[in-house]
Amino acid sequence: MSSEVKRYSREQMAARVAQDIAEGAYVNLGIGLPTKVANYLPPEREVFLHSENGLLGMGPAPAEGEEDEDLINAGKQPVTLLTGGAYFHHSDSFAMMRGGHLDICVLGAFQVSSEGDLANWHTGAPDAIPAVGGAMDLAIGAKQVFVMMEHQTKGGESKIVGKCTYPVTGIACVNRIYTDLAVLDVTPRGLVVREMADGLDFDQLQTVTAAPLLRA
């Protein structure tokens, strides 16, 4: 990969995902990297952020020193609650997820296949503690699933693959993938490249992606 390629930072990735969240959408932001998206939603755009531990109407992260230890998201990170926000029982929260009431969920991933299969809860490592949490409910229950992740592992392996080799969270559930190198849509034809990082061309992207890519 050329040093001239300007990979998207995590903040730029979050801002890019936020662009695709429409006015009035009900959205769940998964644990980890996706939580950053809340900080880039335009204040004039009404978006209802849901957390599986029982919150609706979350705002951005609180300013330093203004954290409330009783106001956290599913990843136990401090959050804010917008005017009109609500608390409710965990079971009601999962009913929202499973009942198809969320427009979008944004999830991290270990792998996404060319057909939109998602693996984001377990690498199969013998010392790992399997904990799928609400990911499987979100992956199947949300109307659209966005994945936000680095394009490659720390070892340089592609996270976008022909077939998932890790335990799968959901089958054919991913609609769009946002990485530090590109934005890709999962379509019936395959993975379509919508955007690429500055300095990156299609052939370079294909070289570091372990699944066939299509030009937009």
C-alpha atoms as a PDB file:
ATOM      1  CA  MET A   1       0.000   0.000   0.000  1.00  0.00           C
ATOM      2  CA  SER A   2       1.451   3.364  -1.021  1.00  0.00           C
ATOM      3  CA  SER A   3       2.330   5.817   1.730  1.00  0.00           C
ATOM      4  CA  GLU A   4       0.378   8.390  -0.294  1.00  0.00           C
ATOM      5  CA  VAL A   5      -2.891   6.669   0.571  1.00  0.00           C
ATOM      6  CA  LYS A   6      -4.663   8.677   3.252  1.00  0.00           C
ATOM      7  CA  ARG A   7      -6.620   6.184   5.289  1.00  0.00           C
ATOM      8  CA  TYR A   8      -9.729   7.538   6.944  1.00  0.00           C
ATOM      9  CA  SER A   9      -9.272   8.145  10.664  1.00  0.00           C
ATOM     10  CA  ARG A  10     -11.790   6.675  13.075  1.00  0.00           C
ATOM     11  CA  GLU A  11     -13.314  10.126  13.452  1.00  0.00           C
ATOM     12  CA  GLN A  12     -13.630  10.511   9.673  1.00  0.00           C
ATOM     13  CA  MET A  13     -15.235   7.071   9.443  1.00  0.00           C
ATOM     14  CA  ALA A  14     -17.753   8.031  12.119  1.00  0.00           C
ATOM     15  CA  ALA A  15     -18.543  11.304  10.367  1.00  0.00           C
ATOM     16  CA  ARG A  16     -19.028   9.467   7.067  1.00  0.00           C
ATOM     17  CA  VAL A  17     -21.489   6.997   8.633  1.00  0.00           C
ATOM     18  CA  ALA A  18     -23.364   9.911  10.223  1.00  0.00           C
ATOM     19  CA  GLN A  19     -23.903  11.411   6.756  1.00  0.00           C
ATOM     20  CA  ASP A  20     -26.003   8.389   5.776  1.00  0.00           C
ATOM     21  CA  ILE A  21     -28.345   8.509   8.766  1.00  0.00           C
ATOM     22  CA  ALA A  22     -31.511  10.274   7.715  1.00  0.00           C
ATOM     23  CA  GLU A  23     -33.783  12.637   9.598  1.00  0.00           C
ATOM     24  CA  GLY A  24     -36.176  10.777  11.897  1.00  0.00           C
ATOM     25  CA  ALA A  25     -34.243   7.496  11.889  1.00  0.00           C
ATOM     26  CA  TYR A  26     -34.215   5.158  14.879  1.00  0.00           C
ATOM     27  CA  VAL A  27     -30.637   3.931  15.202  1.00  0.00           C
ATOM     28  CA  ASN A  28     -28.613   1.597  17.402  1.00  0.00           C
ATOM     29  CA  LEU A  29     -24.862   2.211  17.633  1.00  0.00           C
ATOM     30  CA  GLY A  30     -22.955  -0.943  18.515  1.00  0.00           C
ATOM     31  CA  ILE A  31     -20.248  -1.260  21.144  1.00  0.00           C
ATOM     32  CA  GLY A  32     -16.805   0.117  20.303  1.00  0.00           C
ATOM     33  CA  LEU A  33     -16.050   2.126  17.190  1.00  0.00           C
ATOM     34  CA  PRO A  34     -19.704   2.738  16.148  1.00  0.00           C
ATOM     35  CA  THR A  35     -20.380   4.737  19.320  1.00  0.00           C
ATOM     36  CA  LYS A  36     -18.312   7.577  17.820  1.00  0.00           C
ATOM     37  CA  VAL A  37     -21.055   8.183  15.251  1.00  0.00           C
ATOM     38  CA  ALA A  38     -23.183   9.929  17.904  1.00  0.00           C
ATOM     39  CA  ASN A  39     -20.643  12.750  18.081  1.00  0.00           C
ATOM     40  CA  TYR A  40     -21.040  13.576  14.375  1.00  0.00           C
ATOM     41  CA  LEU A  41     -24.797  13.678  13.928  1.00  0.00           C
ATOM     42  CA  PRO A  42     -25.795  17.253  13.011  1.00  0.00           C
ATOM     43  CA  PRO A  43     -27.656  18.856  15.936  1.00  0.00           C
ATOM     44  CA  GLU A  44     -30.384  20.104  13.602  1.00  0.00           C
ATOM     45  CA  ARG A  45     -31.118  16.547  12.405  1.00  0.00           C
ATOM     46  CA  GLU A  46     -33.530  14.627  14.645  1.00  0.00           C
ATOM     47  CA  VAL A  47     -32.188  11.096  15.051  1.00  0.00           C
ATOM     48  CA  PHE A  48     -33.326   8.754  17.829  1.00  0.00           C
ATOM     49  CA  LEU A  49     -30.396   6.769  19.227  1.00  0.00           C
ATOM     50  CA  HIS A  50     -31.290   3.487  20.920  1.00  0.00           C
ATOM     51  CA  SER A  51     -29.196   1.447  23.340  1.00  0.00           C
ATOM     52  CA  GLU A  52     -30.030  -2.169  24.112  1.00  0.00           C
ATOM     53  CA  ASN A  53     -29.649  -1.655  27.858  1.00  0.00           C
ATOM     54  CA  GLY A  54     -32.829   0.431  27.767  1.00  0.00           C
ATOM     55  CA  LEU A  55     -32.342   3.946  26.404  1.00  0.00           C
ATOM     56  CA  LEU A  56     -33.927   5.880  23.563  1.00  0.00           C
ATOM     57  CA  GLY A  57     -32.890   9.432  22.766  1.00  0.00           C
ATOM     58  CA  MET A  58     -29.173   9.320  23.543  1.00  0.00           C
ATOM     59  CA  GLY A  59     -27.042  12.325  22.719  1.00  0.00           C
ATOM     60  CA  PRO A  60     -23.284  12.688  22.197  1.00  0.00           C
ATOM     61  CA  ALA A  61     -20.675  11.777  24.777  1.00  0.00           C
ATOM     62  CA  PRO A  62     -20.674  14.090  27.814  1.00  0.00           C
ATOM     63  CA  ALA A  63     -17.999  16.724  28.344  1.00  0.00           C
ATOM     64  CA  GLU A  64     -15.140  15.678  30.592  1.00  0.00           C
ATOM     65  CA  GLY A  65     -16.181  15.987  34.225  1.00  0.00           C
ATOM     66  CA  GLU A  66     -19.896  15.895  33.407  1.00  0.00           C
ATOM     67  CA  GLU A  67     -20.272  12.119  33.242  1.00  0.00           C
ATOM     68  CA  ASP A  68     -23.159  10.473  35.102  1.00  0.00           C
ATOM     69  CA  GLU A  69     -22.225   6.956  36.237  1.00  0.00           C
ATOM     70  CA  ASP A  70     -25.895   5.936  36.033  1.00  0.00           C
ATOM     71  CA  LEU A  71     -26.240   7.092  32.415  1.00  0.00           C
ATOM     72  CA  ILE A  72     -24.330   4.654  30.212  1.00  0.00           C
ATOM     73  CA  ASN A  73     -24.723   2.816  26.937  1.00  0.00           C
ATOM     74  CA  ALA A  74     -24.535  -0.948  26.380  1.00  0.00           C
ATOM     75  CA  GLY A  75     -20.729  -0.744  26.359  1.00  0.00           C
ATOM     76  CA  LYS A  76     -20.782   0.951  29.787  1.00  0.00           C
ATOM     77  CA  GLN A  77     -19.551   4.221  28.308  1.00  0.00           C
ATOM     78  CA  PRO A  78     -21.011   7.475  29.673  1.00  0.00           C
ATOM     79  CA  VAL A  79     -23.597   9.096  27.390  1.00  0.00           C
ATOM     80  CA  THR A  80     -26.033  11.995  27.490  1.00  0.00           C
ATOM     81  CA  LEU A  81     -29.809  11.921  27.171  1.00  0.00           C
ATOM     82  CA  LEU A  82     -31.579  14.430  24.951  1.00  0.00           C
ATOM     83  CA  THR A  83     -34.787  16.211  25.939  1.00  0.00           C
ATOM     84  CA  GLY A  84     -37.620  13.709  25.584  1.00  0.00           C
ATOM     85  CA  GLY A  85     -35.325  10.715  25.975  1.00  0.00           C
ATOM     86  CA  ALA A  86     -36.643   7.621  27.727  1.00  0.00           C
ATOM     87  CA  TYR A  87     -35.534   4.745  29.947  1.00  0.00           C
ATOM     88  CA  PHE A  88     -37.205   1.338  29.808  1.00  0.00           C
ATOM     89  CA  HIS A  89     -36.777  -2.311  30.697  1.00  0.00           C
ATOM     90  CA  HIS A  90     -34.136  -4.431  28.993  1.00  0.00           C
ATOM     91  CA  SER A  91     -36.813  -6.785  27.653  1.00  0.00           C
ATOM     92  CA  ASP A  92     -38.687  -3.883  26.040  1.00  0.00           C
ATOM     93  CA  SER A  93     -35.456  -2.783  24.417  1.00  0.00           C
ATOM     94  CA  PHE A  94     -34.940  -6.214  22.856  1.00  0.00           C
ATOM     95  CA  ALA A  95     -38.568  -6.251  21.724  1.00  0.00           C
ATOM     96  CA  MET A  96     -37.820  -3.066  19.780  1.00  0.00           C
ATOM     97  CA  MET A  97     -34.772  -4.712  18.208  1.00  0.00           C
ATOM     98  CA  ARG A  98     -36.415  -8.017  17.351  1.00  0.00           C
ATOM     99  CA  GLY A  99     -39.667  -6.426  16.247  1.00  0.00           C
ATOM    100  CA  GLY A 100     -38.127  -4.498  13.353  1.00  0.00           C
ATOM    101  CA  HIS A 101     -38.552  -1.069  14.942  1.00  0.00           C
ATOM    102  CA  LEU A 102     -34.969   0.118  14.300  1.00  0.00           C
ATOM    103  CA  ASP A 103     -34.170   1.687  10.949  1.00  0.00           C
ATOM    104  CA  ILE A 104     -30.397   1.248  11.173  1.00  0.00           C
ATOM    105  CA  CYS A 105     -27.850  -0.440  13.372  1.00  0.00           C
ATOM    106  CA  VAL A 106     -24.138   0.331  13.090  1.00  0.00           C
ATOM    107  CA  LEU A 107     -21.937  -2.578  14.148  1.00  0.00           C
ATOM    108  CA  GLY A 108     -18.260  -3.397  14.282  1.00  0.00           C
ATOM    109  CA  ALA A 109     -17.034  -6.660  12.746  1.00  0.00           C
ATOM    110  CA  PHE A 110     -14.214  -9.186  12.590  1.00  0.00           C
ATOM    111  CA  GLN A 111     -15.319 -10.246   9.098  1.00  0.00           C
ATOM    112  CA  VAL A 112     -17.968  -9.444   6.505  1.00  0.00           C
ATOM    113  CA  SER A 113     -18.487 -11.754   3.532  1.00  0.00           C
ATOM    114  CA  SER A 114     -19.207 -10.762  -0.061  1.00  0.00           C
ATOM    115  CA  GLU A 115     -22.823 -11.851   0.500  1.00  0.00           C
ATOM    116  CA  GLY A 116     -23.230  -9.684   3.588  1.00  0.00           C
ATOM    117  CA  ASP A 117     -22.737 -12.350   6.248  1.00  0.00           C
ATOM    118  CA  LEU A 118     -21.529 -10.812   9.515  1.00  0.00           C
ATOM    119  CA  ALA A 119     -19.061 -12.237  12.044  1.00  0.00           C
ATOM    120  CA  ASN A 120     -18.548  -9.861  14.943  1.00  0.00           C
ATOM    121  CA  TRP A 121     -18.754 -11.732  18.239  1.00  0.00           C
ATOM    122  CA  HIS A 122     -16.089 -14.437  18.368  1.00  0.00           C
ATOM    123  CA  THR A 123     -12.853 -15.243  16.534  1.00  0.00           C
ATOM    124  CA  GLY A 124     -12.878 -18.878  17.591  1.00  0.00           C
ATOM    125  CA  ALA A 125      -9.729 -18.382  19.656  1.00  0.00           C
ATOM    126  CA  PRO A 126      -9.533 -20.996  22.450  1.00  0.00           C
ATOM    127  CA  ASP A 127      -8.930 -18.384  25.161  1.00  0.00           C
ATOM    128  CA  ALA A 128     -11.737 -16.041  24.031  1.00  0.00           C
ATOM    129  CA  ILE A 129     -14.956 -15.643  25.997  1.00  0.00           C
ATOM    130  CA  PRO A 130     -17.895 -15.955  23.568  1.00  0.00           C
ATOM    131  CA  ALA A 131     -20.426 -13.194  24.171  1.00  0.00           C
ATOM    132  CA  VAL A 132     -22.734 -12.392  21.288  1.00  0.00           C
ATOM    133  CA  GLY A 133     -24.851 -10.028  23.381  1.00  0.00           C
ATOM    134  CA  GLY A 134     -27.511  -8.254  21.351  1.00  0.00           C
ATOM    135  CA  ALA A 135     -25.548  -8.309  18.089  1.00  0.00           C
ATOM    136  CA  MET A 136     -27.530 -11.170  16.575  1.00  0.00           C
ATOM    137  CA  ASP A 137     -30.832  -9.467  17.416  1.00  0.00           C
ATOM    138  CA  LEU A 138     -29.654  -6.188  15.893  1.00  0.00           C
ATOM    139  CA  ALA A 139     -28.187  -7.820  12.792  1.00  0.00           C
ATOM    140  CA  ILE A 140     -31.471  -9.519  11.929  1.00  0.00           C
ATOM    141  CA  GLY A 141     -33.948  -7.053  13.419  1.00  0.00           C
ATOM    142  CA  ALA A 142     -32.748  -3.711  12.033  1.00  0.00           C
ATOM    143  CA  LYS A 143     -34.021  -2.635   8.615  1.00  0.00           C
ATOM    144  CA  GLN A 144     -30.480  -1.730   7.531  1.00  0.00           C
ATOM    145  CA  VAL A 145     -27.140  -2.906   8.914  1.00  0.00           C
ATOM    146  CA  PHE A 146     -24.056  -0.724   8.505  1.00  0.00           C
ATOM    147  CA  VAL A 147     -20.662  -2.166   9.430  1.00  0.00           C
ATOM    148  CA  MET A 148     -17.870   0.164  10.538  1.00  0.00           C
ATOM    149  CA  MET A 149     -14.401  -1.379  10.847  1.00  0.00           C
ATOM    150  CA  GLU A 150     -10.777  -1.245   9.761  1.00  0.00           C
ATOM    151  CA  HIS A 151     -10.280  -2.806   6.330  1.00  0.00           C
ATOM    152  CA  GLN A 152      -7.510  -5.113   7.565  1.00  0.00           C
ATOM    153  CA  THR A 153      -6.461  -6.826  10.767  1.00  0.00           C
ATOM    154  CA  LYS A 154      -3.320  -5.729  12.587  1.00  0.00           C
ATOM    155  CA  GLY A 155      -1.594  -8.591  10.773  1.00  0.00           C
ATOM    156  CA  GLY A 156      -2.647  -7.206   7.394  1.00  0.00           C
ATOM    157  CA  GLU A 157      -5.377  -9.753   6.609  1.00  0.00           C
ATOM    158  CA  SER A 158      -8.545  -8.575   4.900  1.00  0.00           C
ATOM    159  CA  LYS A 159     -11.659  -8.377   7.070  1.00  0.00           C
ATOM    160  CA  ILE A 160     -13.768  -8.445   3.909  1.00  0.00           C
ATOM    161  CA  VAL A 161     -13.813 -12.041   2.711  1.00  0.00           C
ATOM    162  CA  GLY A 162     -15.499 -14.397   0.283  1.00  0.00           C
ATOM    163  CA  LYS A 163     -16.821 -16.560   3.122  1.00  0.00           C
ATOM    164  CA  CYS A 164     -16.616 -15.916   6.858  1.00  0.00           C
ATOM    165  CA  THR A 165     -14.244 -18.220   8.720  1.00  0.00           C
ATOM    166  CA  TYR A 166     -15.320 -16.967  12.146  1.00  0.00           C
ATOM    167  CA  PRO A 167     -18.616 -17.898  13.847  1.00  0.00           C
ATOM    168  CA  VAL A 168     -21.372 -15.983  12.071  1.00  0.00           C
ATOM    169  CA  THR A 169     -23.642 -13.467  13.810  1.00  0.00           C
ATOM    170  CA  GLY A 170     -26.125 -13.050  10.968  1.00  0.00           C
ATOM    171  CA  ILE A 171     -26.578 -14.302   7.403  1.00  0.00           C
ATOM    172  CA  ALA A 172     -26.842 -11.855   4.471  1.00  0.00           C
ATOM    173  CA  CYS A 173     -27.698  -9.010   6.835  1.00  0.00           C
ATOM    174  CA  VAL A 174     -25.113  -6.308   6.022  1.00  0.00           C
ATOM    175  CA  ASN A 175     -26.122  -3.539   3.617  1.00  0.00           C
ATOM    176  CA  ARG A 176     -23.116  -1.207   3.648  1.00  0.00           C
ATOM    177  CA  ILE A 177     -19.501  -1.416   4.856  1.00  0.00           C
ATOM    178  CA  TYR A 178     -17.441   1.577   5.982  1.00  0.00           C
ATOM    179  CA  THR A 179     -13.697   1.027   6.430  1.00  0.00           C
ATOM    180  CA  ASP A 180     -10.595   3.174   6.718  1.00  0.00           C
ATOM    181  CA  LEU A 181     -10.057   2.614   2.982  1.00  0.00           C
ATOM    182  CA  ALA A 182     -13.480   2.575   1.326  1.00  0.00           C
ATOM    183  CA  VAL A 183     -17.263   2.561   1.430  1.00  0.00           C
ATOM    184  CA  LEU A 184     -18.821  -0.537  -0.137  1.00  0.00           C
ATOM    185  CA  ASP A 185     -22.395  -1.654  -0.753  1.00  0.00           C
ATOM    186  CA  VAL A 186     -23.458  -5.288  -0.486  1.00  0.00           C
ATOM    187  CA  THR A 187     -25.634  -5.942  -3.541  1.00  0.00           C
ATOM    188  CA  PRO A 188     -27.060  -9.015  -5.296  1.00  0.00           C
ATOM    189  CA  ARG A 189     -24.236  -8.609  -7.840  1.00  0.00           C
ATOM    190  CA  GLY A 190     -21.544  -8.479  -5.151  1.00  0.00           C
ATOM    191  CA  LEU A 191     -19.546  -5.791  -3.338  1.00  0.00           C
ATOM    192  CA  VAL A 192     -19.769  -2.434  -5.097  1.00  0.00           C
ATOM    193  CA  VAL A 193     -17.162   0.222  -4.281  1.00  0.00           C
ATOM    194  CA  ARG A 194     -18.846   3.582  -3.713  1.00  0.00           C
ATOM    195  CA  GLU A 195     -15.937   5.619  -2.343  1.00  0.00           C
ATOM    196  CA  MET A 196     -12.208   5.200  -1.755  1.00  0.00           C
ATOM    197  CA  ALA A 197      -9.651   6.975   0.407  1.00  0.00           C
ATOM    198  CA  ASP A 198      -7.565   9.687  -1.255  1.00  0.00           C
ATOM    199  CA  GLY A 199      -4.610   8.274  -3.165  1.00  0.00           C
ATOM    200  CA  LEU A 200      -6.134   4.802  -3.450  1.00  0.00           C
ATOM    201  CA  ASP A 201      -7.154   3.283  -6.770  1.00  0.00           C
ATOM    202  CA  PHE A 202      -9.483   0.362  -7.466  1.00  0.00           C
ATOM    203  CA  ASP A 203      -6.716  -2.155  -8.191  1.00  0.00           C
ATOM    204  CA  GLN A 204      -4.913  -1.312  -4.946  1.00  0.00           C
ATOM    205  CA  LEU A 205      -8.147  -1.744  -3.005  1.00  0.00           C
ATOM    206  CA  GLN A 206      -8.769  -5.100  -4.653  1.00  0.00           C
ATOM    207  CA  THR A 207      -5.272  -6.231  -3.710  1.00  0.00           C
ATOM    208  CA  VAL A 208      -5.961  -5.790   0.003  1.00  0.00           C
ATOM    209  CA  THR A 209      -9.524  -7.185  -0.157  1.00  0.00           C
ATOM    210  CA  ALA A 210     -10.081 -10.953  -0.013  1.00  0.00           C
ATOM    211  CA  ALA A 211     -13.336 -10.832  -1.984  1.00  0.00           C
ATOM    212  CA  PRO A 212     -14.099  -9.690  -5.534  1.00  0.00           C
ATOM    213  CA  LEU A 213     -15.004  -6.014  -5.868  1.00  0.00           C
ATOM    214  CA  LEU A 214     -17.130  -4.254  -8.487  1.00  0.00           C
ATOM    215  CA  ARG A 215     -16.784  -0.702  -9.723  1.00  0.00           C
ATOM    216  CA  ALA A 216     -19.746   1.579  -9.086  1.00  0.00           C
END
